[in-house]
Amino acid sequence: MVIRIGAAIVLLTVVAALVAPWAAPYDPAGQELALRLERPSLAHPFGLDELGRDIFSRVLAGARISLFVGLTVVGISSVVGILLGSIAGYFGGWLDDVISRTIDVLLAFPGILLAIALVAVLGPSLGNVVMALAVIGWVGYARLVRGQVLKARELEFVQAARALGAGTPRILFRHVVPTTMPAVMVQATLGMAGSILAEASLSFLGLGVQPPTPSWGTMLNGGRLHLLDAPHLTIFPGAAIAALVLGFNFLGDGLRDLLDPKRYRA
């Protein structure tokens, strides 16, 4: 049930992001200053913001930014993490020591604070947000894959492949790494939620996507001065963030239950 709810929320958001250029009733950057802060109505279902821009159109456009950041960060982080985690777990020795100590150092800092520091140095932009989140994101995948590989390299079919003379790259990427994919899938799904929330946080602080590009985080920042007189400025983008993050968390929890071997032993 949980996985279905999560999948439905994520699918709905993906569809909304794909059709946003055609489904948005107004230009997300178009302004009607005479109607600024107008409350929700039939003409503007989510109302207008402090510059008279249609919030519904901007929420749709912001979904594209959030999903782009999530997919890109998870893609980069998972590839780097799988590669380094596999090397550390399979070969051990000094390679394992170097990679493991690097992971420990990065995990010693709160992830969002490290991302803020990196973006502050690199400059606020969408590309730098992706880079900063990928730098802190790969460690979770590497640590997870390393632990999985340490177990998988001692399995009988891996030992058999080694005895038959299979090369190390073939054993590692044909036999060992595939055993880590169920755990990586769960991590990636939960990582999407974390990346989307982190991007919104950075944009809220002015370190992420810059105006006039619509981002849910920048929309929250723009509406914080009107919490009392125009709460719809923050309610709708905030609800979008909460729903999408909750959807990915539900999907990740459902996948974890579905792929857990203990589930079938009960």
Protein backbone atom coordinates (compact mmCIF):
# COMPACT_ATOMS: atom_id res chain seq x y z
CA MET A 1 0.00 0.00 0.00
CA VAL A 2 2.78 2.42 0.95
CA ILE A 3 4.74 1.75 -2.22
CA ARG A 4 1.63 2.39 -4.33
CA ILE A 5 0.99 5.73 -2.67
CA GLY A 6 4.62 6.74 -3.15
CA ALA A 7 4.67 5.60 -6.77
CA ALA A 8 1.43 7.48 -7.49
CA ILE A 9 2.79 10.73 -6.03
CA VAL A 10 6.09 10.42 -7.91
CA LEU A 11 4.37 9.48 -11.18
CA LEU A 12 1.96 12.40 -10.89
CA THR A 13 4.85 14.81 -10.30
CA VAL A 14 6.84 13.40 -13.23
CA VAL A 15 3.85 13.77 -15.55
CA ALA A 16 3.26 17.33 -14.31
CA ALA A 17 6.91 18.20 -14.93
CA LEU A 18 6.85 16.73 -18.44
CA VAL A 19 3.70 18.56 -19.53
CA ALA A 20 4.48 21.78 -17.63
CA PRO A 21 5.44 23.83 -20.74
CA TRP A 22 2.04 23.08 -22.28
CA ALA A 23 -0.13 22.64 -19.19
CA ALA A 24 0.88 25.86 -17.42
CA PRO A 25 -1.94 28.38 -18.00
CA TYR A 26 0.41 31.36 -17.75
CA ASP A 27 4.03 32.23 -18.35
CA PRO A 28 5.84 31.36 -15.06
CA ALA A 29 7.83 34.59 -15.38
CA GLY A 30 4.92 36.77 -16.52
CA GLN A 31 3.98 39.55 -14.11
CA GLU A 32 0.69 41.29 -13.31
CA LEU A 33 1.76 43.82 -10.71
CA ALA A 34 -1.74 45.25 -10.40
CA LEU A 35 -2.92 41.85 -9.09
CA ARG A 36 0.04 41.01 -6.88
CA LEU A 37 -0.72 38.81 -3.85
CA GLU A 38 -4.15 37.94 -5.25
CA ARG A 39 -5.65 34.98 -3.44
CA PRO A 40 -6.55 31.69 -5.19
CA SER A 41 -9.41 31.99 -7.68
CA LEU A 42 -10.80 30.22 -10.74
CA ALA A 43 -8.47 32.22 -12.99
CA HIS A 44 -5.46 31.58 -10.75
CA PRO A 45 -6.01 28.35 -8.74
CA PHE A 46 -2.96 28.92 -6.52
CA GLY A 47 -3.14 32.73 -6.55
CA LEU A 48 -0.43 35.23 -7.53
CA ASP A 49 2.88 35.93 -5.81
CA GLU A 50 4.48 39.17 -4.67
CA LEU A 51 5.30 40.13 -8.28
CA GLY A 52 1.96 39.10 -9.73
CA ARG A 53 3.20 35.80 -11.17
CA ASP A 54 0.88 32.79 -11.37
CA ILE A 55 1.88 30.39 -8.59
CA PHE A 56 0.30 27.32 -10.21
CA SER A 57 2.40 27.81 -13.35
CA ARG A 58 5.51 28.34 -11.25
CA VAL A 59 4.87 25.22 -9.16
CA LEU A 60 4.60 23.17 -12.36
CA ALA A 61 7.82 24.67 -13.71
CA GLY A 62 9.55 24.18 -10.36
CA ALA A 63 8.81 20.46 -10.51
CA ARG A 64 11.15 20.23 -13.51
CA ILE A 65 13.99 21.81 -11.53
CA SER A 66 13.47 19.56 -8.51
CA LEU A 67 13.33 16.35 -10.53
CA PHE A 68 16.33 17.39 -12.65
CA VAL A 69 18.43 18.04 -9.56
CA GLY A 70 17.30 14.80 -7.90
CA LEU A 71 17.97 12.62 -10.94
CA THR A 72 21.31 14.24 -11.77
CA VAL A 73 22.64 14.15 -8.21
CA VAL A 74 21.53 10.56 -7.66
CA GLY A 75 22.95 9.51 -11.03
CA ILE A 76 26.39 11.01 -10.37
CA SER A 77 26.49 9.97 -6.72
CA SER A 78 25.45 6.38 -7.40
CA VAL A 79 27.96 5.84 -10.22
CA VAL A 80 30.87 7.26 -8.21
CA GLY A 81 29.76 5.52 -5.03
CA ILE A 82 29.29 2.12 -6.69
CA LEU A 83 32.69 2.34 -8.37
CA LEU A 84 34.65 3.40 -5.28
CA GLY A 85 32.68 1.18 -2.90
CA SER A 86 33.24 -1.84 -5.13
CA ILE A 87 36.97 -1.19 -5.35
CA ALA A 88 37.27 -0.69 -1.60
CA GLY A 89 35.27 -3.79 -0.71
CA TYR A 90 36.75 -6.15 -3.29
CA PHE A 91 40.45 -5.28 -3.18
CA GLY A 92 40.79 -4.16 0.44
CA GLY A 93 44.26 -3.12 1.60
CA TRP A 94 45.45 0.44 1.18
CA LEU A 95 42.74 1.22 -1.39
CA ASP A 96 40.10 0.34 1.17
CA ASP A 97 41.88 2.43 3.80
CA VAL A 98 42.09 5.53 1.59
CA ILE A 99 38.47 5.34 0.40
CA SER A 100 37.10 4.49 3.85
CA ARG A 101 38.99 7.33 5.53
CA THR A 102 37.73 9.76 2.87
CA ILE A 103 34.19 8.60 3.57
CA ASP A 104 34.72 9.05 7.31
CA VAL A 105 36.01 12.60 6.83
CA LEU A 106 33.04 13.62 4.67
CA LEU A 107 30.56 12.00 7.05
CA ALA A 108 32.08 13.94 9.94
CA PHE A 109 30.47 17.13 8.58
CA PRO A 110 26.71 17.73 8.40
CA GLY A 111 25.82 17.26 4.74
CA ILE A 112 23.78 20.42 4.28
CA LEU A 113 26.45 22.59 5.93
CA LEU A 114 29.12 21.15 3.65
CA ALA A 115 26.87 21.79 0.64
CA ILE A 116 26.32 25.39 1.77
CA ALA A 117 30.07 25.90 2.11
CA LEU A 118 30.78 24.43 -1.34
CA VAL A 119 28.10 26.49 -3.08
CA ALA A 120 29.25 29.62 -1.23
CA VAL A 121 32.75 29.06 -2.63
CA LEU A 122 31.68 28.04 -6.14
CA GLY A 123 28.87 30.57 -6.47
CA PRO A 124 25.08 30.17 -6.54
CA SER A 125 23.84 28.34 -9.65
CA LEU A 126 21.98 25.18 -10.60
CA GLY A 127 25.16 23.46 -11.80
CA ASN A 128 27.05 24.24 -8.62
CA VAL A 129 24.17 22.95 -6.50
CA VAL A 130 24.27 19.65 -8.39
CA MET A 131 28.05 19.47 -7.99
CA ALA A 132 27.94 20.21 -4.26
CA LEU A 133 25.18 17.69 -3.56
CA ALA A 134 26.99 15.02 -5.61
CA VAL A 135 30.20 15.61 -3.65
CA ILE A 136 28.43 14.85 -0.39
CA GLY A 137 26.06 12.26 -1.86
CA TRP A 138 28.41 9.57 -3.16
CA VAL A 139 29.67 8.58 0.30
CA GLY A 140 26.38 6.93 1.26
CA TYR A 141 26.44 4.74 -1.84
CA ALA A 142 30.13 3.91 -1.41
CA ARG A 143 29.71 2.82 2.21
CA LEU A 144 26.63 0.75 1.34
CA VAL A 145 28.23 -0.95 -1.68
CA ARG A 146 31.47 -1.62 0.19
CA GLY A 147 29.60 -3.55 2.86
CA GLN A 148 27.62 -5.50 0.26
CA VAL A 149 30.76 -6.36 -1.73
CA LEU A 150 32.59 -7.59 1.38
CA LYS A 151 29.83 -10.19 1.77
CA ALA A 152 29.39 -10.99 -1.93
CA ARG A 153 33.06 -11.64 -2.70
CA GLU A 154 32.97 -14.71 -0.44
CA LEU A 155 29.87 -16.26 -2.02
CA GLU A 156 30.22 -19.65 -3.70
CA PHE A 157 29.44 -18.53 -7.25
CA VAL A 158 32.06 -15.78 -6.98
CA GLN A 159 34.65 -18.28 -5.72
CA ALA A 160 33.67 -20.61 -8.58
CA ALA A 161 34.14 -17.86 -11.17
CA ARG A 162 37.55 -17.08 -9.67
CA ALA A 163 38.52 -20.77 -9.78
CA LEU A 164 37.52 -20.97 -13.44
CA GLY A 165 39.99 -18.21 -14.25
CA ALA A 166 37.62 -15.28 -14.74
CA GLY A 167 39.38 -11.92 -14.67
CA THR A 168 38.96 -9.48 -11.81
CA PRO A 169 36.93 -6.89 -13.80
CA ARG A 170 34.56 -9.63 -14.98
CA ILE A 171 34.10 -11.05 -11.49
CA LEU A 172 33.62 -7.63 -9.94
CA PHE A 173 31.21 -6.09 -12.44
CA ARG A 174 29.51 -9.22 -13.77
CA HIS A 175 29.04 -11.20 -10.57
CA VAL A 176 29.67 -9.05 -7.48
CA VAL A 177 28.26 -5.60 -8.26
CA PRO A 178 24.85 -6.90 -9.48
CA THR A 179 24.23 -8.36 -6.01
CA THR A 180 24.35 -4.83 -4.59
CA MET A 181 21.68 -3.40 -6.92
CA PRO A 182 18.60 -4.03 -4.72
CA ALA A 183 20.18 -2.07 -1.86
CA VAL A 184 21.38 0.64 -4.26
CA MET A 185 17.86 1.01 -5.70
CA VAL A 186 16.46 1.68 -2.24
CA GLN A 187 19.29 4.11 -1.46
CA ALA A 188 18.74 5.93 -4.76
CA THR A 189 15.02 6.35 -4.13
CA LEU A 190 15.61 7.79 -0.68
CA GLY A 191 18.48 9.84 -2.12
CA MET A 192 16.06 11.51 -4.53
CA ALA A 193 14.04 12.77 -1.58
CA GLY A 194 17.15 14.06 0.17
CA SER A 195 18.48 15.80 -2.95
CA ILE A 196 15.17 17.52 -3.67
CA LEU A 197 14.91 18.74 -0.08
CA ALA A 198 18.55 19.91 -0.09
CA GLU A 199 18.08 21.82 -3.35
CA ALA A 200 14.99 23.52 -1.96
CA SER A 201 16.92 24.46 1.19
CA LEU A 202 19.82 25.93 -0.78
CA SER A 203 17.46 27.85 -3.07
CA PHE A 204 15.58 29.16 -0.02
CA LEU A 205 18.89 30.52 1.29
CA GLY A 206 19.64 32.17 -2.06
CA LEU A 207 22.44 29.73 -2.90
CA GLY A 208 20.59 27.60 -5.44
CA VAL A 209 18.53 28.37 -8.52
CA GLN A 210 18.50 32.11 -9.12
CA PRO A 211 15.43 34.20 -10.03
CA PRO A 212 13.53 34.46 -12.27
CA THR A 213 13.91 30.68 -12.79
CA PRO A 214 11.08 29.11 -10.76
CA SER A 215 12.21 26.86 -7.93
CA TRP A 216 10.15 25.68 -5.01
CA GLY A 217 12.84 26.86 -2.60
CA THR A 218 13.02 30.38 -4.06
CA MET A 219 9.22 30.55 -4.01
CA LEU A 220 9.26 29.80 -0.29
CA ASN A 221 11.87 32.49 0.22
CA GLY A 222 9.78 35.02 -1.69
CA GLY A 223 6.68 34.23 0.34
CA ARG A 224 8.21 34.27 3.82
CA LEU A 225 7.55 38.01 4.17
CA HIS A 226 3.85 37.49 3.46
CA LEU A 227 3.04 34.59 5.77
CA LEU A 228 0.21 36.51 7.43
CA ASP A 229 -1.31 38.55 4.61
CA ALA A 230 -0.75 36.06 1.74
CA PRO A 231 -0.02 32.58 3.12
CA HIS A 232 -0.77 30.95 -0.26
CA LEU A 233 2.67 32.09 -1.45
CA THR A 234 4.29 29.49 0.80
CA ILE A 235 1.50 26.92 1.24
CA PHE A 236 1.49 25.60 -2.32
CA PRO A 237 5.25 25.31 -3.02
CA GLY A 238 5.73 23.97 0.52
CA ALA A 239 3.03 21.36 -0.06
CA ALA A 240 4.66 20.38 -3.35
CA ILE A 241 8.02 19.82 -1.64
CA ALA A 242 6.44 17.86 1.20
CA ALA A 243 4.37 15.69 -1.13
CA LEU A 244 7.25 14.79 -3.46
CA VAL A 245 9.70 14.08 -0.63
CA LEU A 246 7.06 11.99 1.12
CA GLY A 247 6.35 10.16 -2.14
CA PHE A 248 9.98 9.17 -2.63
CA ASN A 249 10.28 8.15 1.02
CA PHE A 250 7.18 5.96 0.71
CA LEU A 251 8.57 4.47 -2.49
CA GLY A 252 11.93 3.77 -0.87
CA ASP A 253 10.38 2.18 2.21
CA GLY A 254 8.15 0.05 0.02
CA LEU A 255 11.07 -1.10 -2.13
CA ARG A 256 13.08 -1.94 0.98
CA ASP A 257 10.26 -4.13 2.31
CA LEU A 258 9.76 -5.71 -1.11
CA LEU A 259 13.44 -6.50 -1.67
CA ASP A 260 14.24 -7.59 1.91
CA PRO A 261 15.12 -11.31 1.83
CA LYS A 262 13.86 -11.73 5.41
CA ARG A 263 10.38 -10.85 4.18
CA TYR A 264 10.18 -14.12 2.32
CA ARG A 265 11.41 -16.20 5.23
CA ALA A 266 8.61 -15.11 7.53
